[in-house]
């Protein structure tokens, strides 16, 4: 259930940002709203990256092909969605970054699956 809530919030955040949640506008001072929003996005990225690092190492170490495929699907979903949003907002440099990240992050996982 937490995963579904996280996916829904990610889609909502990508479309509306935190401006779509009026409760934040009431409780977060206007002068810190933008910086706090960046901090929120950054902290999610750090947490997700730590999870990828630790689960990826475990999957490869234990040669767990199912977990490796799940991680690969998560990475592809994340970066594909991010690239689509980047195209919508015409931030094409990020599409290139996403393609590089997919290549870089998928390589060890694909190599492990093929063993």
Protein backbone atom coordinates (compact mmCIF):
# COMPACT_ATOMS: atom_id res chain seq x y z
CA UNK A 1 0.00 0.00 0.00
CA UNK A 2 2.84 2.41 0.83
CA UNK A 3 4.28 1.82 -2.64
CA UNK A 4 0.99 2.75 -4.31
CA UNK A 5 0.71 5.89 -2.18
CA UNK A 6 4.31 6.78 -3.07
CA UNK A 7 3.67 6.30 -6.79
CA UNK A 8 0.50 8.41 -6.63
CA UNK A 9 2.28 11.17 -4.71
CA UNK A 10 5.16 11.11 -7.20
CA UNK A 11 2.79 11.59 -10.12
CA UNK A 12 0.92 14.33 -8.24
CA UNK A 13 4.18 16.07 -7.31
CA UNK A 14 5.44 15.88 -10.90
CA UNK A 15 2.27 17.53 -12.19
CA UNK A 16 1.36 20.03 -9.46
CA UNK A 17 4.36 20.28 -7.15
CA UNK A 18 3.62 21.17 -3.57
CA UNK A 19 1.53 24.11 -4.77
CA UNK A 20 -1.21 21.54 -5.34
CA UNK A 21 -1.36 20.85 -1.60
CA UNK A 22 -2.88 23.97 0.01
CA UNK A 23 -2.17 22.65 3.52
CA UNK A 24 1.54 23.31 2.95
CA UNK A 25 0.86 26.90 1.92
CA UNK A 26 -0.84 27.47 5.28
CA UNK A 27 1.90 25.97 7.45
CA UNK A 28 5.13 26.59 5.51
CA UNK A 29 6.35 30.22 5.42
CA UNK A 30 6.29 31.58 1.85
CA UNK A 31 9.96 32.61 1.99
CA UNK A 32 11.09 29.03 2.71
CA UNK A 33 8.57 27.16 0.53
CA UNK A 34 10.75 26.80 -2.59
CA UNK A 35 13.90 25.82 -0.70
CA UNK A 36 11.99 23.38 1.49
CA UNK A 37 10.39 21.83 -1.61
CA UNK A 38 13.84 21.26 -3.13
CA UNK A 39 15.00 19.74 0.15
CA UNK A 40 12.02 17.39 0.13
CA UNK A 41 12.76 16.25 -3.44
CA UNK A 42 16.45 15.89 -2.64
CA UNK A 43 15.82 13.82 0.47
CA UNK A 44 13.55 11.44 -1.48
CA UNK A 45 16.26 11.08 -4.12
CA UNK A 46 18.92 10.35 -1.46
CA UNK A 47 16.71 7.79 0.30
CA UNK A 48 15.78 6.07 -2.96
CA UNK A 49 19.43 5.99 -4.03
CA UNK A 50 20.54 4.43 -0.73
CA UNK A 51 17.86 1.79 -1.15
CA UNK A 52 19.01 1.08 -4.72
CA UNK A 53 22.63 0.84 -3.63
CA UNK A 54 22.00 -1.55 -0.74
CA UNK A 55 19.40 -3.72 -2.47
CA UNK A 56 21.44 -3.81 -5.66
CA UNK A 57 24.54 -4.97 -3.81
CA UNK A 58 22.52 -7.63 -1.98
CA UNK A 59 20.83 -8.86 -5.17
CA UNK A 60 24.14 -9.17 -6.99
CA UNK A 61 25.98 -10.68 -4.00
CA UNK A 62 23.29 -13.35 -3.50
CA UNK A 63 22.77 -13.75 -7.26
CA UNK A 64 19.04 -13.17 -6.72
CA UNK A 65 17.73 -12.79 -10.26
CA UNK A 66 14.16 -11.99 -9.20
CA UNK A 67 15.24 -9.12 -6.92
CA UNK A 68 17.62 -7.91 -9.63
CA UNK A 69 14.78 -7.80 -12.17
CA UNK A 70 12.57 -5.94 -9.68
CA UNK A 71 15.31 -3.34 -9.14
CA UNK A 72 15.76 -3.01 -12.89
CA UNK A 73 12.01 -2.44 -13.36
CA UNK A 74 12.05 0.21 -10.62
CA UNK A 75 14.97 2.04 -12.20
CA UNK A 76 13.36 1.92 -15.65
CA UNK A 77 10.01 3.16 -14.30
CA UNK A 78 11.67 6.00 -12.39
CA UNK A 79 13.88 7.25 -15.21
CA UNK A 80 11.32 6.74 -17.97
CA UNK A 81 8.72 8.77 -16.04
CA UNK A 82 11.31 11.43 -15.28
CA UNK A 83 12.30 11.61 -18.97
CA UNK A 84 8.66 11.97 -20.07
CA UNK A 85 8.11 14.81 -17.57
CA UNK A 86 11.36 16.40 -18.76
CA UNK A 87 10.14 16.30 -22.38
CA UNK A 88 6.81 17.84 -21.33
CA UNK A 89 8.68 20.73 -19.66
CA UNK A 90 11.24 20.91 -22.51
CA UNK A 91 14.22 20.13 -20.27
CA UNK A 92 15.97 18.00 -22.86
CA UNK A 93 19.33 17.92 -21.07
CA UNK A 94 17.66 15.88 -18.33
CA UNK A 95 16.45 13.35 -20.90
CA UNK A 96 20.11 12.83 -21.84
CA UNK A 97 21.01 12.49 -18.15
CA UNK A 98 18.21 9.94 -17.71
CA UNK A 99 19.49 7.89 -20.66
CA UNK A 100 23.00 7.92 -19.17
CA UNK A 101 21.64 6.93 -15.74
CA UNK A 102 19.61 4.07 -17.22
CA UNK A 103 22.74 2.79 -18.95
CA UNK A 104 24.96 3.21 -15.90
CA UNK A 105 22.53 1.76 -13.34
CA UNK A 106 21.21 -1.06 -15.54
CA UNK A 107 24.59 -2.43 -16.65
CA UNK A 108 25.54 -4.26 -13.42
CA UNK A 109 21.96 -5.53 -12.98
CA UNK A 110 21.74 -6.87 -16.53
CA UNK A 111 25.17 -8.43 -16.16
CA UNK A 112 24.02 -10.16 -12.96
CA UNK A 113 20.79 -11.43 -14.57
CA UNK A 114 22.71 -12.99 -17.48
CA UNK A 115 25.03 -15.01 -15.21
